[in-house]
């Protein structure tokens, strides 16, 4: 098959692109490099620097493409609170531009990388796809809006669409920005280097941490699975893990002691998250394969930034 991946030099997208070319597919990738790194892509990936708002460029890249993976997005919840207009412009406006180009090019299927953040605070766990979303950040609002646009435009123009609500993904190669760094690479780096570790809240808040390889497996399945048009599907580990439990797991895997500093006066995000995976199992044949400690070990072994001597 011939694929286009937007945000193709990002963390999840680059892993997906490399997997697809290893499987023998032709992969085109577009990324504006605001956060991605094209050096991580397999040399067989046909990379173009550009923006998903550039419809003429998209028309060229979409010729004879069977499926588009839309992963181009800004992804920081705290940053979105500071810059909601930027998140709306990129995550919502970029999605609409892409869907216009897809409509004109006659692409058959679109797989959107959405987020478990759209659920917000819910009374019950695990989080099911039929729950009414309750987004609590501009990032979550933008992802929910993108889902709605993708499904609506797809329905109007006969494009098959599916939105995967991806939970907290981690693994080798995950970006580690100076501010608002993802929690797992931040914790691993602190364990390796002895750096101070600030935890916002008391550490009891939970997340559903899922290894990148499980996410890639599901994305690959979503390109060809039958009977998923217009569906929203959770993708996570199905396991609820507190930050305190994560700290223990990092200590066990690294053999290093962490001394977290708890900032209880400032928190971001919801207090609990756990994905209900029944639809993913039924529709995509999905079963997570990598547990948390195994995933942490793989990340340490495969990410040179986290080597023991750093």
Protein backbone atom coordinates (compact mmCIF):
# COMPACT_ATOMS: atom_id res chain seq x y z
CA UNK A 1 0.00 0.00 0.00
CA UNK A 2 0.94 3.65 -0.34
CA UNK A 3 0.60 5.78 2.82
CA UNK A 4 0.96 9.43 3.80
CA UNK A 5 1.80 10.21 7.42
CA UNK A 6 1.37 13.78 8.66
CA UNK A 7 3.66 14.87 11.47
CA UNK A 8 5.81 12.10 10.08
CA UNK A 9 9.02 13.02 11.92
CA UNK A 10 7.38 12.93 15.33
CA UNK A 11 7.68 10.27 18.03
CA UNK A 12 4.79 7.95 17.16
CA UNK A 13 4.71 8.81 13.46
CA UNK A 14 8.39 8.04 12.82
CA UNK A 15 8.07 4.65 14.53
CA UNK A 16 4.98 3.93 12.42
CA UNK A 17 6.72 5.02 9.21
CA UNK A 18 9.71 2.78 9.87
CA UNK A 19 7.44 -0.18 10.60
CA UNK A 20 5.46 0.31 7.39
CA UNK A 21 8.51 0.50 5.14
CA UNK A 22 9.92 -2.64 6.80
CA UNK A 23 6.62 -4.32 5.93
CA UNK A 24 7.16 -3.42 2.27
CA UNK A 25 4.85 -0.42 1.87
CA UNK A 26 5.60 2.94 0.26
CA UNK A 27 5.51 5.68 2.88
CA UNK A 28 5.41 9.41 2.35
CA UNK A 29 5.80 11.70 5.36
CA UNK A 30 5.23 15.41 5.82
CA UNK A 31 6.31 17.44 8.85
CA UNK A 32 6.99 21.13 9.41
CA UNK A 33 9.78 20.17 11.88
CA UNK A 34 8.46 22.39 14.64
CA UNK A 35 9.10 19.43 16.93
CA UNK A 36 10.02 16.40 14.80
CA UNK A 37 13.43 15.18 13.66
CA UNK A 38 13.71 13.71 10.13
CA UNK A 39 17.00 12.03 11.06
CA UNK A 40 15.06 9.37 13.00
CA UNK A 41 13.18 8.23 9.89
CA UNK A 42 14.08 5.12 7.95
CA UNK A 43 15.93 6.20 4.76
CA UNK A 44 13.23 4.50 2.68
CA UNK A 45 10.61 6.97 3.90
CA UNK A 46 9.93 9.71 1.34
CA UNK A 47 10.12 12.80 3.53
CA UNK A 48 8.82 16.28 2.65
CA UNK A 49 9.18 19.33 4.84
CA UNK A 50 5.86 21.15 4.83
CA UNK A 51 2.69 22.04 6.66
CA UNK A 52 -0.71 20.34 6.58
CA UNK A 53 -2.23 23.75 5.86
CA UNK A 54 -0.44 23.76 2.49
CA UNK A 55 -3.19 22.17 0.39
CA UNK A 56 -1.37 22.34 -2.99
CA UNK A 57 1.59 20.48 -1.47
CA UNK A 58 -0.79 17.93 0.03
CA UNK A 59 -2.44 17.36 -3.36
CA UNK A 60 0.95 16.29 -4.73
CA UNK A 61 1.72 13.99 -1.82
CA UNK A 62 -1.74 12.41 -1.80
CA UNK A 63 -1.68 11.12 -5.36
CA UNK A 64 -2.46 7.37 -5.37
CA UNK A 65 -2.36 7.18 -1.57
CA UNK A 66 -4.71 4.56 -0.12
CA UNK A 67 -4.60 5.62 3.54
CA UNK A 68 -3.57 8.75 5.46
CA UNK A 69 -2.38 8.67 9.05
CA UNK A 70 -2.98 12.08 10.59
CA UNK A 71 -0.56 12.59 13.48
CA UNK A 72 0.49 16.22 12.92
CA UNK A 73 -0.45 18.10 16.10
CA UNK A 74 0.77 20.07 19.04
CA UNK A 75 0.52 17.78 22.05
CA UNK A 76 1.27 19.51 25.37
CA UNK A 77 -1.66 20.01 27.75
CA UNK A 78 0.08 22.71 29.85
CA UNK A 79 1.29 24.53 26.73
CA UNK A 80 -2.22 24.49 25.27
CA UNK A 81 -3.52 26.29 28.35
CA UNK A 82 -1.06 29.09 27.65
CA UNK A 83 -1.55 29.16 23.86
CA UNK A 84 -5.08 27.97 23.03
CA UNK A 85 -5.22 29.87 19.75
CA UNK A 86 -2.12 28.08 18.45
CA UNK A 87 -3.57 24.70 19.38
CA UNK A 88 -6.81 25.49 17.62
CA UNK A 89 -4.94 26.69 14.53
CA UNK A 90 -2.70 23.63 14.24
CA UNK A 91 -4.82 20.78 15.59
CA UNK A 92 -8.21 21.87 14.28
CA UNK A 93 -7.39 24.10 11.30
CA UNK A 94 -4.70 21.72 10.09
CA UNK A 95 -7.11 18.79 10.27
CA UNK A 96 -9.73 20.61 8.23
CA UNK A 97 -7.17 21.58 5.57
CA UNK A 98 -5.95 18.00 5.36
CA UNK A 99 -9.48 16.61 5.01
CA UNK A 100 -10.19 19.05 2.18
CA UNK A 101 -7.10 17.84 0.34
CA UNK A 102 -7.98 14.19 1.05
CA UNK A 103 -11.46 14.76 -0.35
CA UNK A 104 -10.05 16.25 -3.54
CA UNK A 105 -7.44 13.48 -3.96
CA UNK A 106 -9.89 10.61 -3.51
CA UNK A 107 -8.14 8.88 -0.59
CA UNK A 108 -10.02 5.85 0.72
CA UNK A 109 -9.27 5.88 4.46
CA UNK A 110 -8.06 8.26 7.17
CA UNK A 111 -6.73 7.17 10.57
CA UNK A 112 -6.68 10.04 13.08
CA UNK A 113 -4.44 9.93 16.12
CA UNK A 114 -6.72 11.37 18.78
CA UNK A 115 -6.16 11.31 22.54
CA UNK A 116 -7.55 9.84 25.73
CA UNK A 117 -7.43 13.41 27.05
CA UNK A 118 -10.82 14.09 25.39
CA UNK A 119 -12.56 12.23 28.24
CA UNK A 120 -11.52 14.69 30.92
CA UNK A 121 -12.89 14.03 34.40
CA UNK A 122 -15.27 11.07 34.47
CA UNK A 123 -17.08 9.49 37.40
CA UNK A 124 -16.10 5.96 36.46
CA UNK A 125 -13.06 4.11 35.17
CA UNK A 126 -12.09 2.53 32.82
CA UNK A 127 -12.92 5.08 30.14
CA UNK A 128 -15.31 3.82 27.48
CA UNK A 129 -15.83 5.25 24.01
CA UNK A 130 -19.55 5.80 24.68
CA UNK A 131 -18.86 8.18 27.59
CA UNK A 132 -19.69 11.83 26.97
CA UNK A 133 -16.35 13.67 26.52
CA UNK A 134 -15.54 16.28 29.13
CA UNK A 135 -12.35 17.96 27.85
CA UNK A 136 -10.57 20.12 30.40
CA UNK A 137 -7.83 21.73 28.29
CA UNK A 138 -7.56 23.42 24.90
CA UNK A 139 -5.49 20.43 23.76
CA UNK A 140 -8.32 18.03 24.60
CA UNK A 141 -10.87 20.33 22.96
CA UNK A 142 -8.76 20.47 19.80
CA UNK A 143 -8.52 16.68 19.60
CA UNK A 144 -12.25 16.23 20.10
CA UNK A 145 -12.89 18.85 17.42
CA UNK A 146 -10.50 17.06 15.06
CA UNK A 147 -12.41 13.80 15.60
CA UNK A 148 -15.68 15.52 14.75
CA UNK A 149 -14.31 17.18 11.63
CA UNK A 150 -12.69 13.98 10.36
CA UNK A 151 -15.85 11.91 10.82
CA UNK A 152 -18.18 14.61 9.48
CA UNK A 153 -16.17 15.35 6.33
CA UNK A 154 -15.60 11.64 5.85
CA UNK A 155 -19.33 10.94 6.07
CA UNK A 156 -20.19 13.75 3.65
CA UNK A 157 -17.69 12.60 1.01
CA UNK A 158 -17.60 8.84 1.42
CA UNK A 159 -14.16 8.64 3.06
CA UNK A 160 -13.64 5.86 5.59
CA UNK A 161 -12.44 7.34 8.88
CA UNK A 162 -11.43 6.03 12.29
CA UNK A 163 -10.20 7.94 15.33
CA UNK A 164 -7.85 6.19 17.74
CA UNK A 165 -7.90 7.72 21.22
CA UNK A 166 -4.29 7.08 22.17
CA UNK A 167 -3.34 7.16 25.84
CA UNK A 168 0.05 8.00 27.40
CA UNK A 169 2.54 6.60 24.93
CA UNK A 170 6.21 6.14 25.82
CA UNK A 171 9.29 4.48 24.40
CA UNK A 172 12.71 5.15 22.85
CA UNK A 173 12.99 8.35 20.89
CA UNK A 174 10.28 10.25 22.75
CA UNK A 175 10.94 13.98 22.75
CA UNK A 176 12.29 15.43 25.98
CA UNK A 177 11.77 19.22 25.81
CA UNK A 178 13.11 21.49 28.52
CA UNK A 179 9.60 22.39 29.66
CA UNK A 180 6.51 20.17 29.97
CA UNK A 181 8.50 16.99 29.31
CA UNK A 182 6.56 13.71 29.13
CA UNK A 183 6.61 11.94 32.46
CA UNK A 184 8.35 8.63 31.63
CA UNK A 185 11.47 9.95 29.84
CA UNK A 186 11.66 12.66 32.48
CA UNK A 187 11.62 10.09 35.31
CA UNK A 188 14.10 7.80 33.53
CA UNK A 189 16.50 10.64 32.88
CA UNK A 190 16.30 11.76 36.51
CA UNK A 191 17.09 8.21 37.64
CA UNK A 192 20.07 7.94 35.29
CA UNK A 193 21.55 11.37 36.02
CA UNK A 194 20.56 11.95 39.64
CA UNK A 195 18.75 15.13 38.66
CA UNK A 196 15.99 16.58 40.80
CA UNK A 197 12.52 15.29 39.99
CA UNK A 198 9.51 17.54 40.56
CA UNK A 199 6.12 15.80 40.68
CA UNK A 200 3.09 18.04 40.32
CA UNK A 201 0.41 16.86 42.76
CA UNK A 202 0.83 14.17 45.41
CA UNK A 203 1.67 11.36 43.00
CA UNK A 204 -1.65 9.57 43.40
CA UNK A 205 -2.92 10.67 39.98
CA UNK A 206 -3.05 7.81 37.49
CA UNK A 207 -2.39 7.37 33.79
CA UNK A 208 -2.59 4.56 31.27
CA UNK A 209 0.99 4.15 30.00
CA UNK A 210 1.31 2.23 26.72
CA UNK A 211 4.50 1.25 24.91
CA UNK A 212 5.12 2.67 21.43
CA UNK A 213 5.28 -0.80 19.84
CA UNK A 214 1.70 -1.55 20.92
CA UNK A 215 0.53 1.76 19.48
CA UNK A 216 2.25 1.08 16.17
CA UNK A 217 0.67 -2.38 15.96
CA UNK A 218 -2.76 -0.83 16.37
CA UNK A 219 -2.16 1.92 13.83
CA UNK A 220 -1.05 -0.67 11.28
CA UNK A 221 -4.21 -2.71 11.92
CA UNK A 222 -6.43 0.36 11.58
CA UNK A 223 -5.37 0.88 7.96
CA UNK A 224 -7.01 -2.33 6.78
CA UNK A 225 -9.45 -3.52 9.45
CA UNK A 226 -13.05 -3.96 8.24
CA UNK A 227 -16.14 -2.44 9.85
CA UNK A 228 -14.45 0.43 11.65
CA UNK A 229 -15.71 3.34 9.56
CA UNK A 230 -16.74 6.32 11.74
CA UNK A 231 -15.59 4.53 14.89
CA UNK A 232 -13.73 5.94 17.86
CA UNK A 233 -11.44 3.37 19.50
CA UNK A 234 -9.33 3.55 22.67
CA UNK A 235 -5.71 2.43 22.48
CA UNK A 236 -3.84 2.04 25.75
CA UNK A 237 -2.47 -0.63 28.06
CA UNK A 238 -5.72 -1.06 29.96
CA UNK A 239 -3.73 -0.69 33.19
CA UNK A 240 -4.10 2.23 35.60
CA UNK A 241 -0.75 3.30 37.08
CA UNK A 242 -0.19 6.04 39.64
CA UNK A 243 2.85 8.29 39.44
CA UNK A 244 4.00 6.83 42.76
CA UNK A 245 3.84 3.33 41.25
CA UNK A 246 5.69 4.61 38.18
CA UNK A 247 8.45 5.96 40.40
CA UNK A 248 8.78 2.54 42.04
CA UNK A 249 8.93 0.84 38.63
CA UNK A 250 11.64 3.25 37.41
CA UNK A 251 13.65 2.65 40.57
CA UNK A 252 13.34 -1.12 40.14
CA UNK A 253 14.38 -1.08 36.48
CA UNK A 254 17.27 1.38 36.87
CA UNK A 255 18.50 0.32 40.31
CA UNK A 256 18.60 4.00 41.22
CA UNK A 257 16.77 5.78 44.01
CA UNK A 258 14.55 8.73 43.10
CA UNK A 259 13.90 11.55 45.55
CA UNK A 260 10.85 13.32 44.13
CA UNK A 261 9.85 16.81 45.21
CA UNK A 262 6.07 17.08 45.35
CA UNK A 263 4.54 20.37 44.22
CA UNK A 264 1.00 19.95 45.53
CA UNK A 265 0.01 23.50 44.70
CA UNK A 266 0.04 22.93 40.96
CA UNK A 267 -1.41 20.10 38.89
CA UNK A 268 -2.26 19.54 35.25
CA UNK A 269 -4.78 17.11 33.90
CA UNK A 270 -7.26 14.70 35.37
CA UNK A 271 -6.73 12.58 38.48
CA UNK A 272 -7.45 9.18 36.88
CA UNK A 273 -7.11 7.59 33.43
CA UNK A 274 -7.53 3.98 32.33
CA UNK A 275 -8.56 2.85 28.87
CA UNK A 276 -11.33 0.35 28.29
CA UNK A 277 -9.94 -1.81 25.47
CA UNK A 278 -12.96 -3.96 24.60
CA UNK A 279 -13.61 -2.19 21.29
CA UNK A 280 -9.93 -2.31 20.34
CA UNK A 281 -9.91 -6.06 20.95
CA UNK A 282 -13.15 -6.66 19.06
CA UNK A 283 -12.52 -4.38 16.08
CA UNK A 284 -8.73 -4.41 15.71
CA UNK A 285 -7.72 -7.65 17.39
CA UNK A 286 -5.63 -5.57 19.79
CA UNK A 287 -3.95 -7.02 22.86
CA UNK A 288 -1.16 -5.01 24.53
CA UNK A 289 2.05 -7.03 24.54
CA UNK A 290 4.51 -4.88 26.52
CA UNK A 291 4.06 -4.38 30.25
CA UNK A 292 5.33 -1.28 32.03
CA UNK A 293 8.60 -2.60 33.47
CA UNK A 294 9.49 -4.38 30.22
CA UNK A 295 8.70 -1.18 28.32
CA UNK A 296 10.90 0.86 30.65
CA UNK A 297 13.77 -1.60 30.13
CA UNK A 298 13.40 -1.42 26.36
CA UNK A 299 13.38 2.35 26.50
CA UNK A 300 16.59 2.44 28.54
CA UNK A 301 18.30 -0.08 26.25
CA UNK A 302 17.26 1.53 22.96
CA UNK A 303 17.46 5.26 23.72
CA UNK A 304 21.08 6.50 23.80
CA UNK A 305 20.06 9.66 25.65
CA UNK A 306 19.22 7.49 28.66
CA UNK A 307 22.39 5.40 28.70
CA UNK A 308 23.77 4.63 32.13
CA UNK A 309 26.83 6.87 31.72
CA UNK A 310 24.85 10.03 30.87
